[in-house]
Protein backbone atom coordinates (compact mmCIF):
# COMPACT_ATOMS: atom_id res chain seq x y z
CA UNK A 1 0.00 0.00 0.00
CA UNK A 2 1.33 3.40 -0.98
CA UNK A 3 2.08 5.81 1.85
CA UNK A 4 -0.09 8.90 1.63
CA UNK A 5 0.53 12.08 3.58
CA UNK A 6 -2.24 13.05 5.99
CA UNK A 7 -2.94 16.44 4.38
CA UNK A 8 -3.17 14.94 0.89
CA UNK A 9 -5.45 12.17 2.13
CA UNK A 10 -7.82 14.57 3.92
CA UNK A 11 -7.93 16.80 0.82
CA UNK A 12 -8.78 13.85 -1.45
CA UNK A 13 -11.42 12.65 1.01
CA UNK A 14 -13.05 16.09 1.01
CA UNK A 15 -12.98 16.30 -2.77
CA UNK A 16 -14.61 12.88 -3.04
CA UNK A 17 -17.34 13.81 -0.57
CA UNK A 18 -18.01 16.99 -2.56
CA UNK A 19 -18.21 14.97 -5.79
CA UNK A 20 -20.72 12.55 -4.27
CA UNK A 21 -22.79 15.43 -2.90
CA UNK A 22 -22.82 17.20 -6.28
CA UNK A 23 -23.66 13.95 -8.10
CA UNK A 24 -26.68 13.60 -5.81
CA UNK A 25 -27.65 17.25 -6.43
CA UNK A 26 -27.44 18.18 -2.74
CA UNK A 27 -26.21 21.61 -1.69
CA UNK A 28 -23.76 22.11 1.15
CA UNK A 29 -26.56 23.81 3.09
CA UNK A 30 -28.89 20.83 2.64
CA UNK A 31 -26.17 18.33 3.55
CA UNK A 32 -25.40 20.34 6.67
CA UNK A 33 -29.08 20.27 7.64
CA UNK A 34 -29.29 16.52 7.07
CA UNK A 35 -26.22 15.97 9.28
CA UNK A 36 -27.15 18.61 11.85
CA UNK A 37 -23.86 20.40 11.13
CA UNK A 38 -23.07 23.97 10.20
CA UNK A 39 -22.61 24.75 6.50
CA UNK A 40 -19.10 26.03 7.30
CA UNK A 41 -18.19 22.59 8.66
CA UNK A 42 -19.23 20.93 5.39
CA UNK A 43 -17.34 23.57 3.40
CA UNK A 44 -14.17 23.08 5.45
CA UNK A 45 -14.49 19.30 5.18
CA UNK A 46 -14.81 19.41 1.39
CA UNK A 47 -11.82 21.78 1.18
CA UNK A 48 -9.70 19.32 3.14
CA UNK A 49 -9.28 21.70 6.06
CA UNK A 50 -10.57 19.32 8.73
CA UNK A 51 -9.97 15.67 9.51
CA UNK A 52 -13.45 14.25 10.23
CA UNK A 53 -14.14 11.69 12.90
CA UNK A 54 -15.44 8.24 12.04
CA UNK A 55 -18.85 9.23 13.39
CA UNK A 56 -18.92 12.39 11.25
CA UNK A 57 -18.25 10.20 8.19
CA UNK A 58 -20.99 7.83 9.31
CA UNK A 59 -23.43 10.75 9.50
CA UNK A 60 -22.39 11.96 6.04
CA UNK A 61 -22.84 8.50 4.54
CA UNK A 62 -26.35 8.27 5.95
CA UNK A 63 -27.25 11.75 4.65
CA UNK A 64 -25.79 10.97 1.22
CA UNK A 65 -27.38 7.50 1.21
CA UNK A 66 -24.12 5.73 0.41
CA UNK A 67 -22.04 3.14 2.27
CA UNK A 68 -19.25 4.71 4.33
CA UNK A 69 -16.69 2.91 2.19
CA UNK A 70 -17.83 4.94 -0.86
CA UNK A 71 -16.51 8.08 0.84
CA UNK A 72 -13.04 6.53 0.58
CA UNK A 73 -13.38 5.45 -3.04
CA UNK A 74 -10.73 7.72 -4.54
PDB file of N, CA and C in Angstrom:
ATOM      1  N   UNK A   1       0.841  -1.173   0.000  1.00  0.00           N
ATOM      2  CA  UNK A   1       0.000   0.000   0.000  1.00  0.00           C
ATOM      3  C   UNK A   1       0.889   1.240   0.000  1.00  0.00           C
ATOM      4  N   UNK A   2       0.554   2.184  -0.846  1.00  0.00           N
ATOM      5  CA  UNK A   2       1.327   3.403  -0.978  1.00  0.00           C
ATOM      6  C   UNK A   2       1.105   4.314   0.227  1.00  0.00           C
ATOM      7  N   UNK A   3       2.191   4.881   0.737  1.00  0.00           N
ATOM      8  CA  UNK A   3       2.080   5.810   1.853  1.00  0.00           C
ATOM      9  C   UNK A   3       1.535   7.136   1.330  1.00  0.00           C
ATOM     10  N   UNK A   4       0.523   7.638   2.005  1.00  0.00           N
ATOM     11  CA  UNK A   4      -0.090   8.902   1.627  1.00  0.00           C
ATOM     12  C   UNK A   4       0.035   9.854   2.809  1.00  0.00           C
ATOM     13  N   UNK A   5       0.439  11.071   2.528  1.00  0.00           N
ATOM     14  CA  UNK A   5       0.534  12.076   3.578  1.00  0.00           C
ATOM     15  C   UNK A   5      -0.870  12.434   4.070  1.00  0.00           C
ATOM     16  N   UNK A   6      -0.953  12.749   5.358  1.00  0.00           N
ATOM     17  CA  UNK A   6      -2.236  13.047   5.985  1.00  0.00           C
ATOM     18  C   UNK A   6      -2.966  14.183   5.273  1.00  0.00           C
ATOM     19  N   UNK A   7      -2.285  15.290   5.006  1.00  0.00           N
ATOM     20  CA  UNK A   7      -2.941  16.439   4.378  1.00  0.00           C
ATOM     21  C   UNK A   7      -3.496  16.095   3.004  1.00  0.00           C
ATOM     22  N   UNK A   8      -2.725  15.340   2.228  1.00  0.00           N
ATOM     23  CA  UNK A   8      -3.175  14.943   0.893  1.00  0.00           C
ATOM     24  C   UNK A   8      -4.377  14.015   0.983  1.00  0.00           C
ATOM     25  N   UNK A   9      -4.343  13.105   1.947  1.00  0.00           N
ATOM     26  CA  UNK A   9      -5.453  12.171   2.127  1.00  0.00           C
ATOM     27  C   UNK A   9      -6.735  12.912   2.501  1.00  0.00           C
ATOM     28  N   UNK A  10      -6.640  13.827   3.465  1.00  0.00           N
ATOM     29  CA  UNK A  10      -7.820  14.574   3.918  1.00  0.00           C
ATOM     30  C   UNK A  10      -8.369  15.429   2.779  1.00  0.00           C
ATOM     31  N   UNK A  11      -7.491  15.996   1.964  1.00  0.00           N
ATOM     32  CA  UNK A  11      -7.926  16.800   0.816  1.00  0.00           C
ATOM     33  C   UNK A  11      -8.670  15.927  -0.194  1.00  0.00           C
ATOM     34  N   UNK A  12      -8.126  14.757  -0.500  1.00  0.00           N
ATOM     35  CA  UNK A  12      -8.784  13.854  -1.450  1.00  0.00           C
ATOM     36  C   UNK A  12     -10.119  13.347  -0.907  1.00  0.00           C
ATOM     37  N   UNK A  13     -10.165  13.077   0.383  1.00  0.00           N
ATOM     38  CA  UNK A  13     -11.416  12.655   1.011  1.00  0.00           C
ATOM     39  C   UNK A  13     -12.482  13.739   0.847  1.00  0.00           C
ATOM     40  N   UNK A  14     -12.111  14.971   1.153  1.00  0.00           N
ATOM     41  CA  UNK A  14     -13.048  16.087   1.012  1.00  0.00           C
ATOM     42  C   UNK A  14     -13.525  16.274  -0.410  1.00  0.00           C
ATOM     43  N   UNK A  15     -12.609  16.166  -1.357  1.00  0.00           N
ATOM     44  CA  UNK A  15     -12.976  16.302  -2.772  1.00  0.00           C
ATOM     45  C   UNK A  15     -13.941  15.201  -3.191  1.00  0.00           C
ATOM     46  N   UNK A  16     -13.726  13.991  -2.689  1.00  0.00           N
ATOM     47  CA  UNK A  16     -14.609  12.877  -3.035  1.00  0.00           C
ATOM     48  C   UNK A  16     -15.999  13.079  -2.435  1.00  0.00           C
ATOM     49  N   UNK A  17     -16.048  13.542  -1.202  1.00  0.00           N
ATOM     50  CA  UNK A  17     -17.341  13.811  -0.566  1.00  0.00           C
ATOM     51  C   UNK A  17     -18.086  14.887  -1.348  1.00  0.00           C
ATOM     52  N   UNK A  18     -17.383  15.926  -1.762  1.00  0.00           N
ATOM     53  CA  UNK A  18     -18.008  16.986  -2.565  1.00  0.00           C
ATOM     54  C   UNK A  18     -18.549  16.422  -3.874  1.00  0.00           C
ATOM     55  N   UNK A  19     -17.775  15.565  -4.518  1.00  0.00           N
ATOM     56  CA  UNK A  19     -18.208  14.975  -5.791  1.00  0.00           C
ATOM     57  C   UNK A  19     -19.477  14.136  -5.610  1.00  0.00           C
ATOM     58  N   UNK A  20     -19.522  13.360  -4.548  1.00  0.00           N
ATOM     59  CA  UNK A  20     -20.715  12.549  -4.267  1.00  0.00           C
ATOM     60  C   UNK A  20     -21.912  13.455  -4.004  1.00  0.00           C
ATOM     61  N   UNK A  21     -21.697  14.485  -3.222  1.00  0.00           N
ATOM     62  CA  UNK A  21     -22.786  15.426  -2.901  1.00  0.00           C
ATOM     63  C   UNK A  21     -23.317  16.081  -4.177  1.00  0.00           C
ATOM     64  N   UNK A  22     -22.419  16.539  -5.030  1.00  0.00           N
ATOM     65  CA  UNK A  22     -22.821  17.198  -6.278  1.00  0.00           C
ATOM     66  C   UNK A  22     -23.541  16.215  -7.196  1.00  0.00           C
ATOM     67  N   UNK A  23     -23.029  14.994  -7.275  1.00  0.00           N
ATOM     68  CA  UNK A  23     -23.660  13.954  -8.098  1.00  0.00           C
ATOM     69  C   UNK A  23     -25.111  13.719  -7.654  1.00  0.00           C
ATOM     70  N   UNK A  24     -25.337  13.820  -6.356  1.00  0.00           N
ATOM     71  CA  UNK A  24     -26.683  13.598  -5.812  1.00  0.00           C
ATOM     72  C   UNK A  24     -27.524  14.874  -5.788  1.00  0.00           C
ATOM     73  N   UNK A  25     -26.950  15.974  -6.329  1.00  0.00           N
ATOM     74  CA  UNK A  25     -27.653  17.255  -6.425  1.00  0.00           C
ATOM     75  C   UNK A  25     -28.103  17.782  -5.053  1.00  0.00           C
ATOM     76  N   UNK A  26     -27.189  17.685  -4.094  1.00  0.00           N
ATOM     77  CA  UNK A  26     -27.441  18.177  -2.741  1.00  0.00           C
ATOM     78  C   UNK A  26     -26.508  19.359  -2.502  1.00  0.00           C
ATOM     79  N   UNK A  27     -27.041  20.450  -1.998  1.00  0.00           N
ATOM     80  CA  UNK A  27     -26.211  21.610  -1.685  1.00  0.00           C
ATOM     81  C   UNK A  27     -25.475  21.383  -0.366  1.00  0.00           C
ATOM     82  N   UNK A  28     -24.464  22.186  -0.136  1.00  0.00           N
ATOM     83  CA  UNK A  28     -23.764  22.114   1.152  1.00  0.00           C
ATOM     84  C   UNK A  28     -24.720  22.457   2.285  1.00  0.00           C
ATOM     85  N   UNK A  29     -25.601  23.414   2.064  1.00  0.00           N
ATOM     86  CA  UNK A  29     -26.564  23.810   3.087  1.00  0.00           C
ATOM     87  C   UNK A  29     -27.481  22.641   3.434  1.00  0.00           C
ATOM     88  N   UNK A  30     -27.997  21.963   2.419  1.00  0.00           N
ATOM     89  CA  UNK A  30     -28.894  20.828   2.644  1.00  0.00           C
ATOM     90  C   UNK A  30     -28.164  19.679   3.339  1.00  0.00           C
ATOM     91  N   UNK A  31     -26.939  19.393   2.912  1.00  0.00           N
ATOM     92  CA  UNK A  31     -26.172  18.331   3.552  1.00  0.00           C
ATOM     93  C   UNK A  31     -25.929  18.674   5.020  1.00  0.00           C
ATOM     94  N   UNK A  32     -25.605  19.908   5.283  1.00  0.00           N
ATOM     95  CA  UNK A  32     -25.396  20.343   6.669  1.00  0.00           C
ATOM     96  C   UNK A  32     -26.663  20.133   7.494  1.00  0.00           C
ATOM     97  N   UNK A  33     -27.809  20.469   6.925  1.00  0.00           N
ATOM     98  CA  UNK A  33     -29.081  20.271   7.637  1.00  0.00           C
ATOM     99  C   UNK A  33     -29.320  18.793   7.906  1.00  0.00           C
ATOM    100  N   UNK A  34     -29.066  17.958   6.915  1.00  0.00           N
ATOM    101  CA  UNK A  34     -29.288  16.517   7.073  1.00  0.00           C
ATOM    102  C   UNK A  34     -28.395  15.914   8.151  1.00  0.00           C
ATOM    103  N   UNK A  35     -27.184  16.479   8.302  1.00  0.00           N
ATOM    104  CA  UNK A  35     -26.215  15.966   9.277  1.00  0.00           C
ATOM    105  C   UNK A  35     -26.250  16.719  10.602  1.00  0.00           C
ATOM    106  N   UNK A  36     -27.099  17.746  10.662  1.00  0.00           N
ATOM    107  CA  UNK A  36     -27.149  18.609  11.851  1.00  0.00           C
ATOM    108  C   UNK A  36     -25.778  19.224  12.136  1.00  0.00           C
ATOM    109  N   UNK A  37     -25.152  19.714  11.068  1.00  0.00           N
ATOM    110  CA  UNK A  37     -23.864  20.397  11.133  1.00  0.00           C
ATOM    111  C   UNK A  37     -24.042  21.810  10.595  1.00  0.00           C
ATOM    112  N   UNK A  38     -23.047  22.642  10.797  1.00  0.00           N
ATOM    113  CA  UNK A  38     -23.070  23.966  10.199  1.00  0.00           C
ATOM    114  C   UNK A  38     -22.545  23.868   8.776  1.00  0.00           C
ATOM    115  N   UNK A  39     -23.037  24.742   7.903  1.00  0.00           N
ATOM    116  CA  UNK A  39     -22.605  24.752   6.504  1.00  0.00           C
ATOM    117  C   UNK A  39     -21.090  24.955   6.416  1.00  0.00           C
ATOM    118  N   UNK A  40     -20.534  25.776   7.302  1.00  0.00           N
ATOM    119  CA  UNK A  40     -19.098  26.034   7.297  1.00  0.00           C
ATOM    120  C   UNK A  40     -18.300  24.755   7.562  1.00  0.00           C
ATOM    121  N   UNK A  41     -18.851  23.865   8.368  1.00  0.00           N
ATOM    122  CA  UNK A  41     -18.192  22.593   8.662  1.00  0.00           C
ATOM    123  C   UNK A  41     -18.115  21.735   7.398  1.00  0.00           C
ATOM    124  N   UNK A  42     -19.199  21.696   6.643  1.00  0.00           N
ATOM    125  CA  UNK A  42     -19.226  20.932   5.386  1.00  0.00           C
ATOM    126  C   UNK A  42     -18.247  21.555   4.395  1.00  0.00           C
ATOM    127  N   UNK A  43     -18.241  22.859   4.307  1.00  0.00           N
ATOM    128  CA  UNK A  43     -17.344  23.575   3.402  1.00  0.00           C
ATOM    129  C   UNK A  43     -15.881  23.282   3.738  1.00  0.00           C
ATOM    130  N   UNK A  44     -15.533  23.356   5.010  1.00  0.00           N
ATOM    131  CA  UNK A  44     -14.167  23.082   5.447  1.00  0.00           C
ATOM    132  C   UNK A  44     -13.792  21.622   5.202  1.00  0.00           C
ATOM    133  N   UNK A  45     -14.726  20.717   5.432  1.00  0.00           N
ATOM    134  CA  UNK A  45     -14.492  19.298   5.184  1.00  0.00           C
ATOM    135  C   UNK A  45     -14.169  19.063   3.708  1.00  0.00           C
ATOM    136  N   UNK A  46     -14.996  19.610   2.827  1.00  0.00           N
ATOM    137  CA  UNK A  46     -14.813  19.413   1.392  1.00  0.00           C
ATOM    138  C   UNK A  46     -13.524  20.065   0.885  1.00  0.00           C
ATOM    139  N   UNK A  47     -13.066  21.096   1.568  1.00  0.00           N
ATOM    140  CA  UNK A  47     -11.825  21.777   1.183  1.00  0.00           C
ATOM    141  C   UNK A  47     -10.587  21.082   1.758  1.00  0.00           C
ATOM    142  N   UNK A  48     -10.811  20.043   2.551  1.00  0.00           N
ATOM    143  CA  UNK A  48      -9.695  19.317   3.141  1.00  0.00           C
ATOM    144  C   UNK A  48      -9.047  20.037   4.308  1.00  0.00           C
ATOM    145  N   UNK A  49      -9.814  20.910   4.950  1.00  0.00           N
ATOM    146  CA  UNK A  49      -9.277  21.697   6.060  1.00  0.00           C
ATOM    147  C   UNK A  49      -9.510  21.055   7.414  1.00  0.00           C
ATOM    148  N   UNK A  50     -10.351  20.032   7.469  1.00  0.00           N
ATOM    149  CA  UNK A  50     -10.573  19.321   8.728  1.00  0.00           C
ATOM    150  C   UNK A  50     -10.469  17.823   8.490  1.00  0.00           C
ATOM    151  N   UNK A  51     -10.075  17.120   9.532  1.00  0.00           N
ATOM    152  CA  UNK A  51      -9.968  15.666   9.505  1.00  0.00           C
ATOM    153  C   UNK A  51     -11.180  15.124  10.276  1.00  0.00           C
ATOM    154  N   UNK A  52     -12.209  14.645   9.559  1.00  0.00           N
ATOM    155  CA  UNK A  52     -13.446  14.249  10.230  1.00  0.00           C
ATOM    156  C   UNK A  52     -13.289  12.978  11.063  1.00  0.00           C
ATOM    157  N   UNK A  53     -14.112  12.895  12.080  1.00  0.00           N
ATOM    158  CA  UNK A  53     -14.139  11.687  12.902  1.00  0.00           C
ATOM    159  C   UNK A  53     -14.874  10.577  12.141  1.00  0.00           C
ATOM    160  N   UNK A  54     -14.725   9.382  12.634  1.00  0.00           N
ATOM    161  CA  UNK A  54     -15.439   8.241  12.037  1.00  0.00           C
ATOM    162  C   UNK A  54     -16.943   8.461  12.129  1.00  0.00           C
ATOM    163  N   UNK A  55     -17.411   9.015  13.247  1.00  0.00           N
ATOM    164  CA  UNK A  55     -18.848   9.225  13.391  1.00  0.00           C
ATOM    165  C   UNK A  55     -19.353  10.303  12.431  1.00  0.00           C
ATOM    166  N   UNK A  56     -18.562  11.347  12.213  1.00  0.00           N
ATOM    167  CA  UNK A  56     -18.921  12.390  11.250  1.00  0.00           C
ATOM    168  C   UNK A  56     -19.086  11.744   9.870  1.00  0.00           C
ATOM    169  N   UNK A  57     -18.161  10.882   9.484  1.00  0.00           N
ATOM    170  CA  UNK A  57     -18.246  10.203   8.192  1.00  0.00           C
ATOM    171  C   UNK A  57     -19.473   9.298   8.126  1.00  0.00           C
ATOM    172  N   UNK A  58     -19.788   8.662   9.224  1.00  0.00           N
ATOM    173  CA  UNK A  58     -20.989   7.831   9.312  1.00  0.00           C
ATOM    174  C   UNK A  58     -22.236   8.681   9.059  1.00  0.00           C
ATOM    175  N   UNK A  59     -22.294   9.850   9.691  1.00  0.00           N
ATOM    176  CA  UNK A  59     -23.434  10.753   9.496  1.00  0.00           C
ATOM    177  C   UNK A  59     -23.531  11.222   8.043  1.00  0.00           C
ATOM    178  N   UNK A  60     -22.401  11.545   7.444  1.00  0.00           N
ATOM    179  CA  UNK A  60     -22.389  11.963   6.037  1.00  0.00           C
ATOM    180  C   UNK A  60     -22.893  10.848   5.127  1.00  0.00           C
ATOM    181  N   UNK A  61     -22.427   9.640   5.366  1.00  0.00           N
ATOM    182  CA  UNK A  61     -22.840   8.504   4.541  1.00  0.00           C
ATOM    183  C   UNK A  61     -24.350   8.297   4.616  1.00  0.00           C
ATOM    184  N   UNK A  62     -24.902   8.412   5.803  1.00  0.00           N
ATOM    185  CA  UNK A  62     -26.354   8.273   5.955  1.00  0.00           C
ATOM    186  C   UNK A  62     -27.067   9.373   5.171  1.00  0.00           C
ATOM    187  N   UNK A  63     -26.608  10.613   5.335  1.00  0.00           N
ATOM    188  CA  UNK A  63     -27.249  11.745   4.652  1.00  0.00           C
ATOM    189  C   UNK A  63     -27.134  11.623   3.132  1.00  0.00           C
ATOM    190  N   UNK A  64     -25.997  11.126   2.659  1.00  0.00           N
ATOM    191  CA  UNK A  64     -25.787  10.972   1.220  1.00  0.00           C
ATOM    192  C   UNK A  64     -26.348   9.663   0.670  1.00  0.00           C
ATOM    193  N   UNK A  65     -26.805   8.793   1.569  1.00  0.00           N
ATOM    194  CA  UNK A  65     -27.380   7.500   1.206  1.00  0.00           C
ATOM    195  C   UNK A  65     -26.379   6.643   0.417  1.00  0.00           C
ATOM    196  N   UNK A  66     -25.170   6.574   0.991  1.00  0.00           N
ATOM    197  CA  UNK A  66     -24.117   5.734   0.411  1.00  0.00           C
ATOM    198  C   UNK A  66     -23.446   4.958   1.543  1.00  0.00           C
ATOM    199  N   UNK A  67     -22.819   3.828   1.232  1.00  0.00           N
ATOM    200  CA  UNK A  67     -22.039   3.138   2.266  1.00  0.00           C
ATOM    201  C   UNK A  67     -20.823   3.994   2.642  1.00  0.00           C
ATOM    202  N   UNK A  68     -20.397   3.931   3.878  1.00  0.00           N
ATOM    203  CA  UNK A  68     -19.252   4.713   4.333  1.00  0.00           C
ATOM    204  C   UNK A  68     -18.036   4.470   3.442  1.00  0.00           C
ATOM    205  N   UNK A  69     -17.852   3.241   3.004  1.00  0.00           N
ATOM    206  CA  UNK A  69     -16.687   2.909   2.189  1.00  0.00           C
ATOM    207  C   UNK A  69     -16.649   3.723   0.894  1.00  0.00           C
ATOM    208  N   UNK A  70     -17.795   4.132   0.382  1.00  0.00           N
ATOM    209  CA  UNK A  70     -17.828   4.939  -0.858  1.00  0.00           C
ATOM    210  C   UNK A  70     -17.153   6.298  -0.653  1.00  0.00           C
ATOM    211  N   UNK A  71     -17.166   6.801   0.569  1.00  0.00           N
ATOM    212  CA  UNK A  71     -16.513   8.081   0.841  1.00  0.00           C
ATOM    213  C   UNK A  71     -15.002   7.984   0.625  1.00  0.00           C
ATOM    214  N   UNK A  72     -14.468   6.765   0.737  1.00  0.00           N
ATOM    215  CA  UNK A  72     -13.039   6.535   0.584  1.00  0.00           C
ATOM    216  C   UNK A  72     -12.669   5.988  -0.800  1.00  0.00           C
ATOM    217  N   UNK A  73     -13.604   6.007  -1.714  1.00  0.00           N
ATOM    218  CA  UNK A  73     -13.384   5.452  -3.043  1.00  0.00           C
ATOM    219  C   UNK A  73     -12.743   6.502  -3.959  1.00  0.00           C
ATOM    220  N   UNK A  74     -11.464   6.744  -3.717  1.00  0.00           N
ATOM    221  CA  UNK A  74     -10.729   7.720  -4.541  1.00  0.00           C
ATOM    222  C   UNK A  74      -9.321   7.246  -4.796  1.00  0.00           C
TER     223      UNK A  74
END
